[in-house]
Amino acid sequence: KEGILPGTRVIMNAYAHAAAYPTVDVFDAYPITGDAE
C-alpha cells in the first residue's frame, strides 16, 4: 500500500542487470492479492 521500497528497487536492478533479466515494477498481467512479496 506504500509503493515500492527504495531498497527493493536497488536489489531488483542489481539482480536483473547481473542476470540479464528484464525488470518490472508492477505485475499487471492480471490482479494479484495476498502475495508474500
PDB file of all heavy atoms in Angstrom:
ATOM      1  N   LYS A   1       0.812  -1.221   0.000  1.00  0.00           N
ATOM      2  CA  LYS A   1       0.000   0.000   0.000  1.00  0.00           C
ATOM      3  C   LYS A   1       0.842   1.267   0.000  1.00  0.00           C
ATOM      4  O   LYS A   1       0.314   2.353  -0.183  1.00  0.00           O
ATOM      5  CB  LYS A   1      -0.939  -0.005   1.202  1.00  0.00           C
ATOM      6  CG  LYS A   1      -1.959  -1.143   1.164  1.00  0.00           C
ATOM      7  CD  LYS A   1      -2.832  -1.147   2.410  1.00  0.00           C
ATOM      8  CE  LYS A   1      -3.839  -2.298   2.357  1.00  0.00           C
ATOM      9  NZ  LYS A   1      -4.674  -2.350   3.587  1.00  0.00           N
ATOM     10  N   GLU A   2       2.149   1.108   0.219  1.00  0.00           N
ATOM     11  CA  GLU A   2       3.018   2.282   0.311  1.00  0.00           C
ATOM     12  C   GLU A   2       3.964   2.399  -0.884  1.00  0.00           C
ATOM     13  O   GLU A   2       4.903   3.183  -0.853  1.00  0.00           O
ATOM     14  CB  GLU A   2       3.822   2.231   1.614  1.00  0.00           C
ATOM     15  CG  GLU A   2       2.948   2.241   2.861  1.00  0.00           C
ATOM     16  CD  GLU A   2       3.760   2.173   4.134  1.00  0.00           C
ATOM     17  OE1 GLU A   2       4.979   2.471   4.086  1.00  0.00           O
ATOM     18  OE2 GLU A   2       3.203   1.816   5.182  1.00  0.00           O
ATOM     19  N   GLY A   3       3.733   1.613  -1.928  1.00  0.00           N
ATOM     20  CA  GLY A   3       4.585   1.674  -3.102  1.00  0.00           C
ATOM     21  C   GLY A   3       5.847   0.844  -2.940  1.00  0.00           C
ATOM     22  O   GLY A   3       6.011   0.086  -1.979  1.00  0.00           O
ATOM     23  N   ILE A   4       6.754   0.996  -3.890  1.00  0.00           N
ATOM     24  CA  ILE A   4       7.989   0.210  -3.919  1.00  0.00           C
ATOM     25  C   ILE A   4       9.010   0.820  -2.965  1.00  0.00           C
ATOM     26  O   ILE A   4       9.308   2.020  -3.045  1.00  0.00           O
ATOM     27  CB  ILE A   4       8.563   0.161  -5.347  1.00  0.00           C
ATOM     28  CG1 ILE A   4       7.548  -0.494  -6.299  1.00  0.00           C
ATOM     29  CG2 ILE A   4       9.884  -0.601  -5.374  1.00  0.00           C
ATOM     30  CD1 ILE A   4       7.944  -0.406  -7.757  1.00  0.00           C
ATOM     31  N   LEU A   5       9.562   0.009  -2.080  1.00  0.00           N
ATOM     32  CA  LEU A   5      10.589   0.483  -1.159  1.00  0.00           C
ATOM     33  C   LEU A   5      11.869   0.789  -1.933  1.00  0.00           C
ATOM     34  O   LEU A   5      12.202   0.088  -2.902  1.00  0.00           O
ATOM     35  CB  LEU A   5      10.885  -0.578  -0.097  1.00  0.00           C
ATOM     36  CG  LEU A   5       9.720  -1.038   0.779  1.00  0.00           C
ATOM     37  CD1 LEU A   5      10.159  -2.193   1.669  1.00  0.00           C
ATOM     38  CD2 LEU A   5       9.188   0.114   1.607  1.00  0.00           C
ATOM     39  N   PRO A   6      12.620   1.815  -1.539  1.00  0.00           N
ATOM     40  CA  PRO A   6      13.881   2.120  -2.234  1.00  0.00           C
ATOM     41  C   PRO A   6      14.835   0.937  -2.289  1.00  0.00           C
ATOM     42  O   PRO A   6      15.462   0.676  -3.322  1.00  0.00           O
ATOM     43  CB  PRO A   6      14.464   3.273  -1.408  1.00  0.00           C
ATOM     44  CG  PRO A   6      13.280   3.929  -0.772  1.00  0.00           C
ATOM     45  CD  PRO A   6      12.319   2.812  -0.489  1.00  0.00           C
ATOM     46  N   GLY A   7      14.939   0.184  -1.194  1.00  0.00           N
ATOM     47  CA  GLY A   7      15.830  -0.980  -1.177  1.00  0.00           C
ATOM     48  C   GLY A   7      15.397  -2.063  -2.134  1.00  0.00           C
ATOM     49  O   GLY A   7      16.230  -2.793  -2.688  1.00  0.00           O
ATOM     50  N   THR A   8      14.089  -2.177  -2.345  1.00  0.00           N
ATOM     51  CA  THR A   8      13.571  -3.162  -3.297  1.00  0.00           C
ATOM     52  C   THR A   8      14.044  -2.847  -4.707  1.00  0.00           C
ATOM     53  O   THR A   8      14.484  -3.724  -5.451  1.00  0.00           O
ATOM     54  CB  THR A   8      12.031  -3.189  -3.253  1.00  0.00           C
ATOM     55  OG1 THR A   8      11.599  -3.607  -1.961  1.00  0.00           O
ATOM     56  CG2 THR A   8      11.471  -4.144  -4.306  1.00  0.00           C
ATOM     57  N   ARG A   9      13.953  -1.581  -5.077  1.00  0.00           N
ATOM     58  CA  ARG A   9      14.371  -1.203  -6.422  1.00  0.00           C
ATOM     59  C   ARG A   9      15.871  -1.434  -6.624  1.00  0.00           C
ATOM     60  O   ARG A   9      16.304  -1.857  -7.698  1.00  0.00           O
ATOM     61  CB  ARG A   9      14.016   0.261  -6.691  1.00  0.00           C
ATOM     62  CG  ARG A   9      14.096   0.632  -8.170  1.00  0.00           C
ATOM     63  CD  ARG A   9      13.658   2.063  -8.387  1.00  0.00           C
ATOM     64  NE  ARG A   9      12.279   2.288  -8.025  1.00  0.00           N
ATOM     65  CZ  ARG A   9      11.246   1.946  -8.785  1.00  0.00           C
ATOM     66  NH1 ARG A   9      11.452   1.337  -9.941  1.00  0.00           N
ATOM     67  NH2 ARG A   9      10.012   2.206  -8.398  1.00  0.00           N
ATOM     68  N   VAL A  10      16.656  -1.196  -5.577  1.00  0.00           N
ATOM     69  CA  VAL A  10      18.106  -1.401  -5.675  1.00  0.00           C
ATOM     70  C   VAL A  10      18.421  -2.863  -5.962  1.00  0.00           C
ATOM     71  O   VAL A  10      19.188  -3.187  -6.881  1.00  0.00           O
ATOM     72  CB  VAL A  10      18.818  -0.934  -4.392  1.00  0.00           C
ATOM     73  CG1 VAL A  10      20.280  -1.373  -4.400  1.00  0.00           C
ATOM     74  CG2 VAL A  10      18.740   0.580  -4.264  1.00  0.00           C
ATOM     75  N   ILE A  11      17.850  -3.773  -5.172  1.00  0.00           N
ATOM     76  CA  ILE A  11      18.209  -5.180  -5.364  1.00  0.00           C
ATOM     77  C   ILE A  11      17.562  -5.753  -6.622  1.00  0.00           C
ATOM     78  O   ILE A  11      18.118  -6.660  -7.257  1.00  0.00           O
ATOM     79  CB  ILE A  11      17.896  -6.040  -4.129  1.00  0.00           C
ATOM     80  CG1 ILE A  11      16.408  -6.017  -3.782  1.00  0.00           C
ATOM     81  CG2 ILE A  11      18.747  -5.592  -2.947  1.00  0.00           C
ATOM     82  CD1 ILE A  11      16.046  -6.996  -2.652  1.00  0.00           C
ATOM     83  N   MET A  12      16.398  -5.230  -7.015  1.00  0.00           N
ATOM     84  CA  MET A  12      15.798  -5.655  -8.280  1.00  0.00           C
ATOM     85  C   MET A  12      16.739  -5.320  -9.440  1.00  0.00           C
ATOM     86  O   MET A  12      17.025  -6.176 -10.296  1.00  0.00           O
ATOM     87  CB  MET A  12      14.449  -4.976  -8.503  1.00  0.00           C
ATOM     88  CG  MET A  12      13.825  -5.275  -9.868  1.00  0.00           C
ATOM     89  SD  MET A  12      12.283  -4.369 -10.213  1.00  0.00           S
ATOM     90  CE  MET A  12      12.897  -2.683 -10.403  1.00  0.00           C
ATOM     91  N   ASN A  13      17.211  -4.106  -9.467  1.00  0.00           N
ATOM     92  CA  ASN A  13      18.098  -3.690 -10.555  1.00  0.00           C
ATOM     93  C   ASN A  13      19.427  -4.432 -10.514  1.00  0.00           C
ATOM     94  O   ASN A  13      19.969  -4.813 -11.564  1.00  0.00           O
ATOM     95  CB  ASN A  13      18.329  -2.183 -10.487  1.00  0.00           C
ATOM     96  CG  ASN A  13      17.094  -1.380 -10.869  1.00  0.00           C
ATOM     97  OD1 ASN A  13      16.249  -1.862 -11.625  1.00  0.00           O
ATOM     98  ND2 ASN A  13      16.970  -0.173 -10.347  1.00  0.00           N
ATOM     99  N   ALA A  14      19.967  -4.648  -9.311  1.00  0.00           N
ATOM    100  CA  ALA A  14      21.249  -5.347  -9.189  1.00  0.00           C
ATOM    101  C   ALA A  14      21.134  -6.772  -9.705  1.00  0.00           C
ATOM    102  O   ALA A  14      21.965  -7.238 -10.504  1.00  0.00           O
ATOM    103  CB  ALA A  14      21.713  -5.336  -7.735  1.00  0.00           C
ATOM    104  N   TYR A  15      20.113  -7.492  -9.243  1.00  0.00           N
ATOM    105  CA  TYR A  15      19.939  -8.892  -9.656  1.00  0.00           C
ATOM    106  C   TYR A  15      19.670  -8.967 -11.158  1.00  0.00           C
ATOM    107  O   TYR A  15      20.296  -9.755 -11.885  1.00  0.00           O
ATOM    108  CB  TYR A  15      18.785  -9.511  -8.862  1.00  0.00           C
ATOM    109  CG  TYR A  15      18.733 -11.022  -8.900  1.00  0.00           C
ATOM    110  CD1 TYR A  15      18.945 -11.754  -7.746  1.00  0.00           C
ATOM    111  CD2 TYR A  15      18.458 -11.728 -10.066  1.00  0.00           C
ATOM    112  CE1 TYR A  15      18.900 -13.146  -7.754  1.00  0.00           C
ATOM    113  CE2 TYR A  15      18.399 -13.120 -10.088  1.00  0.00           C
ATOM    114  CZ  TYR A  15      18.618 -13.820  -8.916  1.00  0.00           C
ATOM    115  OH  TYR A  15      18.569 -15.196  -8.929  1.00  0.00           O
ATOM    116  N   ALA A  16      18.730  -8.166 -11.625  1.00  0.00           N
ATOM    117  CA  ALA A  16      18.317  -8.243 -13.025  1.00  0.00           C
ATOM    118  C   ALA A  16      19.451  -7.865 -13.973  1.00  0.00           C
ATOM    119  O   ALA A  16      19.653  -8.526 -15.002  1.00  0.00           O
ATOM    120  CB  ALA A  16      17.114  -7.334 -13.259  1.00  0.00           C
ATOM    121  N   HIS A  17      20.182  -6.811 -13.644  1.00  0.00           N
ATOM    122  CA  HIS A  17      21.276  -6.386 -14.518  1.00  0.00           C
ATOM    123  C   HIS A  17      22.340  -7.474 -14.619  1.00  0.00           C
ATOM    124  O   HIS A  17      22.803  -7.805 -15.722  1.00  0.00           O
ATOM    125  CB  HIS A  17      21.894  -5.092 -14.002  1.00  0.00           C
ATOM    126  CG  HIS A  17      23.061  -4.621 -14.812  1.00  0.00           C
ATOM    127  ND1 HIS A  17      22.923  -4.028 -16.053  1.00  0.00           N
ATOM    128  CD2 HIS A  17      24.412  -4.676 -14.577  1.00  0.00           C
ATOM    129  CE1 HIS A  17      24.116  -3.743 -16.548  1.00  0.00           C
ATOM    130  NE2 HIS A  17      25.034  -4.122 -15.665  1.00  0.00           N
ATOM    131  N   ALA A  18      22.715  -8.067 -13.483  1.00  0.00           N
ATOM    132  CA  ALA A  18      23.750  -9.098 -13.492  1.00  0.00           C
ATOM    133  C   ALA A  18      23.280 -10.370 -14.193  1.00  0.00           C
ATOM    134  O   ALA A  18      24.058 -11.047 -14.867  1.00  0.00           O
ATOM    135  CB  ALA A  18      24.179  -9.411 -12.062  1.00  0.00           C
ATOM    136  N   ALA A  19      21.994 -10.693 -14.037  1.00  0.00           N
ATOM    137  CA  ALA A  19      21.463 -11.938 -14.593  1.00  0.00           C
ATOM    138  C   ALA A  19      20.850 -11.766 -15.982  1.00  0.00           C
ATOM    139  O   ALA A  19      20.384 -12.754 -16.572  1.00  0.00           O
ATOM    140  CB  ALA A  19      20.407 -12.503 -13.640  1.00  0.00           C
ATOM    141  N   ALA A  20      20.828 -10.563 -16.483  1.00  0.00           N
ATOM    142  CA  ALA A  20      20.269 -10.275 -17.807  1.00  0.00           C
ATOM    143  C   ALA A  20      18.789 -10.635 -17.906  1.00  0.00           C
ATOM    144  O   ALA A  20      18.324 -11.185 -18.899  1.00  0.00           O
ATOM    145  CB  ALA A  20      21.063 -10.998 -18.900  1.00  0.00           C
ATOM    146  N   TYR A  21      18.051 -10.286 -16.850  1.00  0.00           N
ATOM    147  CA  TYR A  21      16.593 -10.375 -16.880  1.00  0.00           C
ATOM    148  C   TYR A  21      16.026  -8.960 -17.030  1.00  0.00           C
ATOM    149  O   TYR A  21      16.605  -7.999 -16.513  1.00  0.00           O
ATOM    150  CB  TYR A  21      16.041 -10.954 -15.576  1.00  0.00           C
ATOM    151  CG  TYR A  21      16.231 -12.432 -15.365  1.00  0.00           C
ATOM    152  CD1 TYR A  21      17.049 -12.897 -14.339  1.00  0.00           C
ATOM    153  CD2 TYR A  21      15.572 -13.371 -16.146  1.00  0.00           C
ATOM    154  CE1 TYR A  21      17.215 -14.242 -14.103  1.00  0.00           C
ATOM    155  CE2 TYR A  21      15.732 -14.725 -15.925  1.00  0.00           C
ATOM    156  CZ  TYR A  21      16.556 -15.160 -14.900  1.00  0.00           C
ATOM    157  OH  TYR A  21      16.709 -16.502 -14.680  1.00  0.00           O
ATOM    158  N   PRO A  22      14.881  -8.811 -17.677  1.00  0.00           N
ATOM    159  CA  PRO A  22      14.206  -7.508 -17.656  1.00  0.00           C
ATOM    160  C   PRO A  22      13.715  -7.191 -16.236  1.00  0.00           C
ATOM    161  O   PRO A  22      13.525  -8.102 -15.420  1.00  0.00           O
ATOM    162  CB  PRO A  22      13.010  -7.714 -18.602  1.00  0.00           C
ATOM    163  CG  PRO A  22      13.319  -8.949 -19.379  1.00  0.00           C
ATOM    164  CD  PRO A  22      14.176  -9.803 -18.505  1.00  0.00           C
ATOM    165  N   THR A  23      13.522  -5.919 -15.950  1.00  0.00           N
ATOM    166  CA  THR A  23      12.940  -5.507 -14.674  1.00  0.00           C
ATOM    167  C   THR A  23      11.508  -5.031 -14.898  1.00  0.00           C
ATOM    168  O   THR A  23      11.192  -4.442 -15.921  1.00  0.00           O
ATOM    169  CB  THR A  23      13.741  -4.368 -14.015  1.00  0.00           C
ATOM    170  OG1 THR A  23      13.773  -3.245 -14.908  1.00  0.00           O
ATOM    171  CG2 THR A  23      15.162  -4.808 -13.704  1.00  0.00           C
ATOM    172  N   VAL A  24      10.660  -5.317 -13.909  1.00  0.00           N
ATOM    173  CA  VAL A  24       9.256  -4.897 -13.974  1.00  0.00           C
ATOM    174  C   VAL A  24       8.872  -4.364 -12.601  1.00  0.00           C
ATOM    175  O   VAL A  24       9.015  -5.060 -11.590  1.00  0.00           O
ATOM    176  CB  VAL A  24       8.327  -6.060 -14.351  1.00  0.00           C
ATOM    177  CG1 VAL A  24       6.881  -5.576 -14.444  1.00  0.00           C
ATOM    178  CG2 VAL A  24       8.761  -6.701 -15.674  1.00  0.00           C
ATOM    179  N   ASP A  25       8.391  -3.136 -12.557  1.00  0.00           N
ATOM    180  CA  ASP A  25       7.995  -2.548 -11.281  1.00  0.00           C
ATOM    181  C   ASP A  25       6.756  -3.214 -10.698  1.00  0.00           C
ATOM    182  O   ASP A  25       6.706  -3.538  -9.508  1.00  0.00           O
ATOM    183  CB  ASP A  25       7.723  -1.050 -11.443  1.00  0.00           C
ATOM    184  CG  ASP A  25       8.992  -0.211 -11.433  1.00  0.00           C
ATOM    185  OD1 ASP A  25      10.085  -0.797 -11.268  1.00  0.00           O
ATOM    186  OD2 ASP A  25       8.903   1.016 -11.599  1.00  0.00           O
ATOM    187  N   VAL A  26       5.737  -3.396 -11.533  1.00  0.00           N
ATOM    188  CA  VAL A  26       4.462  -3.915 -11.038  1.00  0.00           C
ATOM    189  C   VAL A  26       3.956  -5.003 -11.980  1.00  0.00           C
ATOM    190  O   VAL A  26       3.868  -4.791 -13.191  1.00  0.00           O
ATOM    191  CB  VAL A  26       3.409  -2.789 -10.935  1.00  0.00           C
ATOM    192  CG1 VAL A  26       2.076  -3.358 -10.442  1.00  0.00           C
ATOM    193  CG2 VAL A  26       3.888  -1.685 -10.004  1.00  0.00           C
ATOM    194  N   PHE A  27       3.600  -6.151 -11.422  1.00  0.00           N
ATOM    195  CA  PHE A  27       2.997  -7.220 -12.217  1.00  0.00           C
ATOM    196  C   PHE A  27       1.562  -6.830 -12.524  1.00  0.00           C
ATOM    197  O   PHE A  27       0.743  -6.627 -11.618  1.00  0.00           O
ATOM    198  CB  PHE A  27       3.023  -8.530 -11.430  1.00  0.00           C
ATOM    199  CG  PHE A  27       2.470  -9.703 -12.187  1.00  0.00           C
ATOM    200  CD1 PHE A  27       3.286 -10.448 -13.028  1.00  0.00           C
ATOM    201  CD2 PHE A  27       1.136 -10.064 -12.067  1.00  0.00           C
ATOM    202  CE1 PHE A  27       2.778 -11.532 -13.735  1.00  0.00           C
ATOM    203  CE2 PHE A  27       0.622 -11.132 -12.768  1.00  0.00           C
ATOM    204  CZ  PHE A  27       1.448 -11.879 -13.603  1.00  0.00           C
ATOM    205  N   ASP A  28       1.240  -6.704 -13.811  1.00  0.00           N
ATOM    206  CA  ASP A  28      -0.096  -6.232 -14.171  1.00  0.00           C
ATOM    207  C   ASP A  28      -0.776  -7.122 -15.213  1.00  0.00           C
ATOM    208  O   ASP A  28      -1.765  -6.717 -15.829  1.00  0.00           O
ATOM    209  CB  ASP A  28      -0.034  -4.795 -14.678  1.00  0.00           C
ATOM    210  CG  ASP A  28       0.860  -4.639 -15.913  1.00  0.00           C
ATOM    211  OD1 ASP A  28       1.414  -5.653 -16.393  1.00  0.00           O
ATOM    212  OD2 ASP A  28       1.010  -3.493 -16.391  1.00  0.00           O
ATOM    213  N   ALA A  29      -0.277  -8.353 -15.374  1.00  0.00           N
ATOM    214  CA  ALA A  29      -0.905  -9.250 -16.342  1.00  0.00           C
ATOM    215  C   ALA A  29      -2.318  -9.631 -15.891  1.00  0.00           C
ATOM    216  O   ALA A  29      -3.215  -9.843 -16.718  1.00  0.00           O
ATOM    217  CB  ALA A  29      -0.065 -10.510 -16.517  1.00  0.00           C
ATOM    218  N   TYR A  30      -2.519  -9.732 -14.591  1.00  0.00           N
ATOM    219  CA  TYR A  30      -3.832  -9.970 -14.005  1.00  0.00           C
ATOM    220  C   TYR A  30      -3.747  -9.565 -12.530  1.00  0.00           C
ATOM    221  O   TYR A  30      -2.654  -9.502 -11.960  1.00  0.00           O
ATOM    222  CB  TYR A  30      -4.301 -11.422 -14.155  1.00  0.00           C
ATOM    223  CG  TYR A  30      -3.241 -12.457 -13.861  1.00  0.00           C
ATOM    224  CD1 TYR A  30      -2.996 -12.886 -12.554  1.00  0.00           C
ATOM    225  CD2 TYR A  30      -2.481 -13.021 -14.884  1.00  0.00           C
ATOM    226  CE1 TYR A  30      -2.026 -13.832 -12.273  1.00  0.00           C
ATOM    227  CE2 TYR A  30      -1.510 -13.967 -14.617  1.00  0.00           C
ATOM    228  CZ  TYR A  30      -1.297 -14.375 -13.309  1.00  0.00           C
ATOM    229  OH  TYR A  30      -0.327 -15.312 -13.036  1.00  0.00           O
ATOM    230  N   PRO A  31      -4.883  -9.289 -11.889  1.00  0.00           N
ATOM    231  CA  PRO A  31      -4.846  -8.813 -10.499  1.00  0.00           C
ATOM    232  C   PRO A  31      -4.343  -9.899  -9.541  1.00  0.00           C
ATOM    233  O   PRO A  31      -4.706 -11.080  -9.654  1.00  0.00           O
ATOM    234  CB  PRO A  31      -6.313  -8.470 -10.197  1.00  0.00           C
ATOM    235  CG  PRO A  31      -6.967  -8.335 -11.526  1.00  0.00           C
ATOM    236  CD  PRO A  31      -6.250  -9.277 -12.450  1.00  0.00           C
ATOM    237  N   ILE A  32      -3.489  -9.502  -8.610  1.00  0.00           N
ATOM    238  CA  ILE A  32      -2.974 -10.404  -7.577  1.00  0.00           C
ATOM    239  C   ILE A  32      -3.197  -9.764  -6.214  1.00  0.00           C
ATOM    240  O   ILE A  32      -2.923  -8.579  -6.021  1.00  0.00           O
ATOM    241  CB  ILE A  32      -1.479 -10.695  -7.787  1.00  0.00           C
ATOM    242  CG1 ILE A  32      -1.284 -11.603  -8.994  1.00  0.00           C
ATOM    243  CG2 ILE A  32      -0.867 -11.349  -6.549  1.00  0.00           C
ATOM    244  CD1 ILE A  32       0.171 -11.911  -9.284  1.00  0.00           C
ATOM    245  N   THR A  33      -3.688 -10.545  -5.287  1.00  0.00           N
ATOM    246  CA  THR A  33      -3.822 -10.101  -3.902  1.00  0.00           C
ATOM    247  C   THR A  33      -3.173 -11.141  -2.997  1.00  0.00           C
ATOM    248  O   THR A  33      -3.097 -12.321  -3.336  1.00  0.00           O
ATOM    249  CB  THR A  33      -5.302  -9.944  -3.508  1.00  0.00           C
ATOM    250  OG1 THR A  33      -5.997 -11.178  -3.776  1.00  0.00           O
ATOM    251  CG2 THR A  33      -5.962  -8.829  -4.295  1.00  0.00           C
ATOM    252  N   GLY A  34      -2.675 -10.696  -1.850  1.00  0.00           N
ATOM    253  CA  GLY A  34      -2.167 -11.623  -0.851  1.00  0.00           C
ATOM    254  C   GLY A  34      -0.845 -12.284  -1.162  1.00  0.00           C
ATOM    255  O   GLY A  34      -0.570 -13.379  -0.659  1.00  0.00           O
ATOM    256  N   ASP A  35       0.003 -11.628  -1.954  1.00  0.00           N
ATOM    257  CA  ASP A  35       1.289 -12.257  -2.284  1.00  0.00           C
ATOM    258  C   ASP A  35       2.311 -12.020  -1.174  1.00  0.00           C
ATOM    259  O   ASP A  35       2.258 -11.037  -0.441  1.00  0.00           O
ATOM    260  CB  ASP A  35       1.822 -11.740  -3.614  1.00  0.00           C
ATOM    261  CG  ASP A  35       2.089 -10.248  -3.595  1.00  0.00           C
ATOM    262  OD1 ASP A  35       1.121  -9.483  -3.449  1.00  0.00           O
ATOM    263  OD2 ASP A  35       3.258  -9.839  -3.709  1.00  0.00           O
ATOM    264  N   ALA A  36       3.265 -12.955  -1.057  1.00  0.00           N
ATOM    265  CA  ALA A  36       4.264 -12.911   0.013  1.00  0.00           C
ATOM    266  C   ALA A  36       5.160 -11.691  -0.108  1.00  0.00           C
ATOM    267  O   ALA A  36       5.501 -11.052   0.898  1.00  0.00           O
ATOM    268  CB  ALA A  36       5.104 -14.191  -0.013  1.00  0.00           C
ATOM    269  N   GLU A  37       5.567 -11.381  -1.323  1.00  0.00           N
ATOM    270  CA  GLU A  37       6.463 -10.246  -1.525  1.00  0.00           C
ATOM    271  C   GLU A  37       5.801  -8.939  -1.102  1.00  0.00           C
ATOM    272  O   GLU A  37       6.426  -8.069  -0.491  1.00  0.00           O
ATOM    273  CB  GLU A  37       6.896 -10.178  -2.990  1.00  0.00           C
ATOM    274  CG  GLU A  37       7.703 -11.372  -3.459  1.00  0.00           C
ATOM    275  CD  GLU A  37       6.850 -12.529  -3.970  1.00  0.00           C
ATOM    276  OE1 GLU A  37       5.635 -12.586  -3.632  1.00  0.00           O
ATOM    277  OE2 GLU A  37       7.373 -13.381  -4.691  1.00  0.00           O
TER     278      GLU A  37
END
